[in-house]
Protein backbone atom coordinates (compact mmCIF):
# COMPACT_ATOMS: atom_id res chain seq x y z
CA MET A 1 -26.22 -6.22 26.94
CA LYS A 2 -23.47 -6.07 29.59
CA THR A 3 -25.88 -4.37 31.98
CA LEU A 4 -28.41 -7.16 31.43
CA THR A 5 -25.71 -9.78 32.06
CA ILE A 6 -24.90 -8.20 35.43
CA PHE A 7 -28.58 -8.18 36.32
CA LEU A 8 -29.11 -11.83 35.34
CA ARG A 9 -26.12 -12.88 37.42
CA ASP A 10 -27.51 -11.03 40.45
CA LEU A 11 -30.89 -12.64 39.91
CA LYS A 12 -29.34 -16.12 39.77
CA VAL A 13 -27.33 -15.52 42.93
CA SER A 14 -30.31 -14.03 44.79
CA LEU A 15 -32.56 -17.00 44.09
CA ARG A 16 -30.21 -19.36 45.94
CA GLU A 17 -29.77 -17.15 49.05
CA PHE A 18 -32.32 -17.51 51.85
CA ILE A 19 -31.83 -13.97 53.16
CA THR A 20 -32.72 -12.43 49.79
CA PHE A 21 -35.74 -14.71 49.51
CA TRP A 22 -36.84 -13.55 52.96
CA ILE A 23 -36.38 -9.88 51.99
CA MET A 24 -38.72 -10.48 49.07
CA ALA A 25 -41.29 -12.55 50.97
CA ALA A 26 -41.49 -10.77 54.35
CA PRO A 27 -43.34 -7.61 53.12
CA ILE A 28 -45.95 -9.76 51.36
CA LEU A 29 -46.56 -11.76 54.54
CA LEU A 30 -46.90 -8.51 56.49
CA ALA A 31 -49.38 -7.21 53.91
CA LEU A 32 -51.50 -10.33 54.39
CA LEU A 33 -51.33 -9.81 58.14
CA VAL A 34 -52.50 -6.21 57.74
CA ARG A 35 -55.39 -7.38 55.57
CA PHE A 36 -56.69 -9.93 58.06
CA VAL A 37 -55.97 -8.01 61.27
CA SER A 38 -57.06 -4.50 60.26
CA PRO A 39 -60.85 -5.11 60.42
CA GLY A 40 -60.56 -5.66 64.18
CA LEU A 41 -58.40 -2.57 64.59
CA SER A 42 -60.34 -0.16 62.40
CA ASP A 43 -62.37 2.72 63.70
CA THR A 44 -65.75 1.16 62.89
CA PRO A 45 -69.15 2.85 63.41
CA LEU A 46 -71.05 2.37 66.66
CA THR A 47 -72.40 -1.12 67.27
CA LEU A 48 -74.77 -1.96 70.12
CA VAL A 49 -75.29 -5.48 71.45
CA VAL A 50 -78.64 -6.58 72.89
CA VAL A 51 -79.97 -9.82 74.32
CA GLU A 52 -82.05 -11.57 71.69
CA GLY A 53 -85.80 -11.32 72.31
CA GLU A 54 -85.44 -9.07 75.35
CA ASN A 55 -86.96 -5.97 73.75
CA PRO A 56 -87.58 -6.33 70.01
CA GLN A 57 -89.18 -2.88 69.72
CA GLN A 58 -86.13 -1.20 71.23
CA ALA A 59 -83.74 -3.15 69.00
CA ALA A 60 -85.76 -2.24 65.89
CA TYR A 61 -85.77 1.42 66.89
CA ILE A 62 -82.01 1.63 67.51
CA GLU A 63 -81.25 -0.32 64.34
CA GLN A 64 -82.53 2.66 62.33
CA PHE A 65 -79.43 4.58 63.40
CA VAL A 66 -76.61 2.15 64.26
CA ALA A 67 -75.67 -1.50 63.83
CA VAL A 68 -77.28 -3.89 66.30
CA GLU A 69 -76.03 -7.35 67.24
CA ALA A 70 -78.19 -9.87 69.09
CA VAL A 71 -76.68 -12.45 71.47
CA SER A 72 -78.28 -15.31 73.35
CA SER A 73 -77.65 -14.23 76.96
CA GLU A 74 -76.24 -11.57 79.27
CA ALA A 75 -73.06 -13.64 79.61
CA ALA A 76 -72.63 -13.64 75.83
CA LEU A 77 -73.30 -9.90 75.80
CA LYS A 78 -70.55 -9.31 78.36
CA GLU A 79 -68.14 -11.46 76.36
CA ARG A 80 -68.92 -9.50 73.19
CA VAL A 81 -68.44 -6.14 74.89
CA LEU A 82 -65.07 -7.25 76.26
CA ALA A 83 -63.83 -8.18 72.78
CA ARG A 84 -61.07 -6.16 71.11
CA ASP A 85 -63.23 -3.78 69.07
CA ASP A 86 -65.37 -0.91 70.41
CA VAL A 87 -68.83 -2.37 70.96
CA MET A 88 -71.36 -1.23 73.59
CA GLY A 89 -74.11 -3.32 75.18
CA LEU A 90 -77.66 -2.59 76.38
CA LEU A 91 -78.84 -4.49 79.47
CA SER A 92 -82.36 -4.59 80.86
CA GLN A 93 -82.68 -3.87 84.59
CA ASP A 94 -85.57 -3.48 87.02
CA ASP A 95 -85.39 0.33 86.94
CA GLY A 96 -84.74 0.66 83.20
CA TYR A 97 -81.75 -0.02 80.96
CA ALA A 98 -78.01 0.11 81.55
CA ILE A 99 -75.20 0.61 79.05
CA ALA A 100 -72.40 -1.97 79.29
CA ALA A 101 -68.94 -0.77 78.28
CA GLN A 102 -65.45 -2.19 78.48
CA GLY A 103 -64.13 1.09 79.82
CA ASN A 104 -61.62 2.10 77.15
CA GLU A 105 -64.07 3.13 74.43
CA PRO A 106 -63.81 6.62 72.87
CA GLU A 107 -65.95 9.23 74.57
CA TYR A 108 -68.00 9.89 71.44
CA LEU A 109 -69.22 6.26 71.39
CA ILE A 110 -70.36 6.49 75.00
CA THR A 111 -72.14 9.78 74.31
CA ALA A 112 -73.84 8.33 71.21
CA SER A 113 -75.02 5.28 73.19
CA LYS A 114 -76.48 7.45 75.95
CA THR A 115 -78.20 9.68 73.38
CA LEU A 116 -79.81 6.76 71.56
CA LEU A 117 -81.05 5.23 74.82
CA ALA A 118 -82.47 8.57 75.88
CA TYR A 119 -84.23 8.97 72.53
CA TRP A 120 -85.82 5.55 72.97
CA GLN A 121 -86.93 6.22 76.53
CA GLU A 122 -88.39 9.60 75.60
CA GLY A 123 -90.13 8.24 72.51
CA VAL A 124 -88.33 10.49 70.05
CA THR A 125 -89.29 9.64 66.49
CA GLY A 126 -88.25 10.98 63.13
CA THR A 127 -86.79 10.11 59.78
CA PRO A 128 -83.60 8.04 60.05
CA PRO A 129 -80.51 9.63 58.49
CA ILE A 130 -79.61 8.69 54.92
CA PHE A 131 -75.98 7.74 54.35
CA HIS A 132 -74.16 8.33 51.08
CA SER A 133 -71.00 6.31 50.50
CA PHE A 134 -68.23 6.94 47.99
CA GLY A 135 -67.19 3.29 48.21
CA ARG A 136 -63.84 3.85 49.92
CA THR A 137 -64.27 1.47 52.79
CA ALA A 138 -60.63 0.82 53.75
CA PRO A 139 -60.02 1.84 57.39
CA PRO A 140 -57.51 4.69 57.90
CA LEU A 141 -55.26 2.46 60.00
CA LYS A 142 -55.10 -0.13 57.22
CA ILE A 143 -54.13 2.57 54.71
CA THR A 144 -51.42 3.92 57.02
CA LEU A 145 -49.95 0.47 57.67
CA THR A 146 -49.97 -0.48 53.99
CA THR A 147 -48.38 2.81 52.95
CA SER A 148 -45.65 2.38 55.57
CA LEU A 149 -45.13 -1.15 54.32
CA LEU A 150 -44.52 0.12 50.79
CA VAL A 151 -41.86 2.48 52.16
CA LEU A 152 -40.29 -0.55 53.86
CA VAL A 153 -40.23 -2.35 50.50
CA THR A 154 -38.09 0.44 49.02
CA ILE A 155 -35.60 0.17 51.91
CA LEU A 156 -35.41 -3.61 51.62
CA SER A 157 -34.74 -3.25 47.89
CA GLY A 158 -31.69 -1.14 48.74
CA MET A 159 -30.63 -3.81 51.24
CA LEU A 160 -30.90 -6.39 48.46
CA ILE A 161 -28.44 -4.38 46.36
CA SER A 162 -25.99 -4.03 49.24
CA ILE A 163 -26.12 -7.77 49.96
CA ASN A 164 -25.42 -8.59 46.30
CA ILE A 165 -22.39 -6.31 46.32
CA VAL A 166 -21.10 -7.84 49.56
CA ASP A 167 -21.51 -11.24 47.91
CA GLU A 168 -19.36 -10.00 45.00
CA LYS A 169 -16.70 -8.90 47.47
CA ALA A 170 -16.80 -12.27 49.22
CA ASP A 171 -16.28 -14.05 45.88
CA LYS A 172 -13.37 -11.69 45.03
CA THR A 173 -15.12 -10.69 41.79
CA LEU A 174 -15.79 -7.02 42.55
CA LYS A 175 -12.23 -5.97 41.74
CA ALA A 176 -12.68 -7.39 38.24
CA ILE A 177 -14.75 -4.32 37.38
CA ARG A 178 -11.50 -2.37 37.21
CA VAL A 179 -10.29 -4.34 34.19
CA ALA A 180 -13.63 -5.48 32.76
CA PRO A 181 -14.86 -3.92 29.48
CA VAL A 182 -17.86 -2.36 31.22
CA SER A 183 -18.31 1.20 32.42
CA ILE A 184 -18.99 2.10 36.03
CA GLY A 185 -22.37 3.51 34.96
CA SER A 186 -23.40 0.22 33.37
CA PHE A 187 -22.25 -1.66 36.46
CA VAL A 188 -24.29 0.61 38.74
CA VAL A 189 -27.40 0.29 36.56
CA GLY A 190 -27.01 -3.48 36.27
CA LYS A 191 -26.72 -3.87 40.02
CA SER A 192 -29.68 -1.55 40.60
CA LEU A 193 -32.01 -3.51 38.30
CA MET A 194 -32.38 -6.24 40.94
CA GLY A 195 -33.61 -3.67 43.46
CA ALA A 196 -35.93 -2.12 40.87
CA LEU A 197 -37.44 -5.51 40.03
CA ASN A 198 -37.96 -6.29 43.71
CA SER A 199 -39.55 -2.89 44.35
CA MET A 200 -42.08 -3.24 41.55
CA VAL A 201 -42.95 -6.92 42.01
CA CYS A 202 -42.96 -6.91 45.80
CA GLY A 203 -44.73 -3.54 45.94
CA LEU A 204 -47.45 -4.72 43.56
CA LEU A 205 -47.95 -7.97 45.49
CA CYS A 206 -48.14 -6.04 48.78
CA VAL A 207 -50.86 -3.78 47.40
CA LEU A 208 -52.86 -6.77 46.20
CA ALA A 209 -52.24 -8.84 49.37
CA ALA A 210 -53.40 -5.96 51.56
CA GLY A 211 -56.70 -5.83 49.66
CA PHE A 212 -56.22 -2.74 47.45
CA ALA A 213 -56.76 -4.41 44.08
CA GLY A 214 -59.12 -1.60 43.04
CA VAL A 215 -56.51 1.17 43.10
CA ASN A 216 -54.59 2.44 40.08
CA LEU A 217 -51.77 -0.12 39.99
CA VAL A 218 -49.77 1.87 37.43
CA GLN A 219 -49.67 4.81 39.82
CA ALA A 220 -48.68 2.53 42.70
CA LEU A 221 -45.79 1.01 40.73
CA LEU A 222 -44.57 4.44 39.64
CA VAL A 223 -44.47 5.77 43.20
CA VAL A 224 -42.74 2.69 44.63
CA LEU A 225 -40.11 2.77 41.88
CA CYS A 226 -39.39 6.49 42.35
CA ALA A 227 -39.13 6.08 46.12
CA SER A 228 -36.67 3.23 45.64
CA PHE A 229 -34.03 5.35 43.90
CA LEU A 230 -32.67 6.74 47.18
CA SER A 231 -32.45 3.24 48.63
CA PHE A 232 -30.53 2.11 45.54
CA ALA A 233 -27.85 4.80 45.98
CA VAL A 234 -27.49 4.26 49.72
CA GLY A 235 -27.58 0.48 49.33
CA PHE A 236 -24.83 0.66 46.72
CA LEU A 237 -22.58 2.74 48.98
CA ILE A 238 -23.24 0.54 52.01
CA GLY A 239 -22.47 -2.60 50.02
CA LEU A 240 -19.14 -1.17 48.87
CA THR A 241 -18.10 -0.09 52.36
CA SER A 242 -19.29 -3.20 54.26
CA GLU A 243 -17.20 -6.32 54.71
CA ASP A 244 -19.97 -8.81 55.51
CA PHE A 245 -23.74 -9.29 55.42
CA ILE A 246 -24.26 -8.38 59.07
CA SER A 247 -22.61 -4.97 58.80
CA ALA A 248 -24.44 -4.24 55.53
CA ALA A 249 -27.83 -5.12 57.06
CA GLY A 250 -27.05 -3.07 60.18
CA SER A 251 -26.10 -0.04 58.12
CA MET A 252 -29.27 -0.29 56.01
CA LYS A 253 -31.35 -0.29 59.19
CA LEU A 254 -30.08 3.22 59.86
CA LEU A 255 -31.95 4.31 56.74
CA MET A 256 -35.20 3.51 58.55
CA ILE A 257 -34.69 6.51 60.85
CA PRO A 258 -34.95 9.17 58.10
CA ALA A 259 -37.69 7.06 56.52
CA LEU A 260 -39.76 6.77 59.71
CA ALA A 261 -39.44 10.38 60.88
CA PRO A 262 -41.32 11.91 57.88
CA ILE A 263 -44.12 9.34 58.30
CA LEU A 264 -44.58 10.28 61.95
CA VAL A 265 -44.60 13.99 61.13
CA TYR A 266 -47.02 13.43 58.24
CA GLU A 267 -49.50 11.53 60.42
CA LEU A 268 -49.13 13.21 63.81
CA ALA A 269 -47.99 16.80 63.26
CA GLY A 270 -50.14 19.68 62.05
CA ASP A 271 -49.88 21.23 58.61
CA ARG A 272 -47.68 24.05 59.86
CA TRP A 273 -44.96 21.57 60.86
CA GLN A 274 -44.90 19.56 57.66
CA PHE A 275 -42.16 21.74 56.13
CA LEU A 276 -39.68 20.30 58.63
CA VAL A 277 -39.52 17.05 56.63
CA TRP A 278 -39.89 18.38 53.10
CA TRP A 279 -36.20 17.56 52.63
CA SER A 280 -36.92 13.84 52.79
CA PRO A 281 -37.94 12.02 49.59
CA PHE A 282 -39.76 9.53 51.82
CA TYR A 283 -42.18 12.29 52.86
CA TRP A 284 -43.24 12.95 49.28
CA ALA A 285 -43.28 9.25 48.46
CA TYR A 286 -45.51 8.57 51.47
CA ASP A 287 -47.87 11.37 50.43
CA ALA A 288 -48.12 9.95 46.91
CA MET A 289 -48.55 6.35 48.09
CA LYS A 290 -51.31 7.30 50.51
CA GLY A 291 -53.07 9.25 47.78
CA VAL A 292 -52.95 6.22 45.50
CA LEU A 293 -54.35 3.87 48.17
CA THR A 294 -57.16 6.28 49.09
CA GLN A 295 -57.81 7.00 45.39
CA THR A 296 -57.69 10.74 46.03
CA VAL A 297 -54.60 11.70 44.01
CA GLY A 298 -54.61 12.67 40.35
CA TRP A 299 -51.79 12.47 37.85
CA PRO A 300 -50.74 16.14 38.27
CA ARG A 301 -50.23 15.77 42.04
CA LEU A 302 -48.68 12.33 41.59
CA GLY A 303 -46.30 13.71 39.00
CA PHE A 304 -45.30 16.55 41.32
CA ASP A 305 -44.57 14.18 44.22
CA ALA A 306 -42.60 11.84 41.94
CA ALA A 307 -40.61 14.75 40.49
CA VAL A 308 -39.68 16.00 43.97
CA VAL A 309 -38.62 12.48 45.02
CA ILE A 310 -36.43 12.08 41.93
CA ALA A 311 -34.94 15.58 42.28
CA ILE A 312 -33.94 15.10 45.94
CA THR A 313 -32.62 11.62 45.20
CA LEU A 314 -30.59 12.89 42.25
CA VAL A 315 -28.90 15.50 44.48
CA LEU A 316 -28.07 12.86 47.07
CA TYR A 317 -26.83 10.47 44.38
CA LEU A 318 -24.49 13.13 42.97
CA LEU A 319 -23.12 13.65 46.46
CA LEU A 320 -22.57 9.90 46.91
CA TYR A 321 -21.24 9.17 43.42
CA PRO A 322 -17.61 10.21 44.10
CA LYS A 323 -17.50 7.79 47.02
CA ILE A 324 -19.04 5.00 44.92
CA ARG A 325 -16.57 5.64 42.09
CA LYS A 326 -13.65 5.64 44.50
CA GLU A 327 -14.68 2.29 46.00
CA LEU A 328 -14.99 0.74 42.55
CA THR A 329 -11.70 2.06 41.25
């Protein structure tokens, strides 16, 4: 009951502070931004643009293999090719056809465009390829951004705890814990409940806002909550050792360095280098979150990742607990 009272007080205080409202709302806004921007940034299949009515037979032939867009004029074709995504154009000339490119397209798209044009000119015919889809249409970049955003939610939840503790210090109520009929453990749990609530609610809304409503939401909530435990411990310590909101927020930003490094290694380094960041709970949380969003992780693997996150966090919490206890007493 005392733990719940501490939580309800934190919730009441948080709802009247703009900075805590922003911490809760910012990730959701970023998730919406990822949802609406990612289609233009995704690695889409090859699309060729042709001038409408210029060569219907050629357009019909190429459309068997890739997507074809028709525009009204050569000027419109040039404008479409110069757009942000990777789209190639086919232009009719006196001596044949030319491929219009922006110049920064991947080499494989240029090669595919040349091959298709050569097939058409040589009269190559055959059965078009049949594509089988497993229904996972989210672009890799969108998955990476959303997964990174969920890691950010866990860090911001720790920042929320630190800000609440700094607010207690500003109101001169933190010292009352020394004479209050509540244990240090209950105080820590009560203060952490606000971060846990933010992690689950904000994490769930981010997943939905980013367009991943079809994933296993129970798995997503479990991973976000487990990944938040480290942020809770660090946020608690930072709140106790900081004198104002600015210093607390600045200290929490330092947590982004060990959170960002495992993500970069996970995405950019080869498998043989992954062991370098196995020490970080954010690495295992990122692996689990990405598996949930891509719908490729089962409960056994998810349970393993969650267990590793909790185990590493528990060790770090035991190392930080003497400092937390000292600041409270």
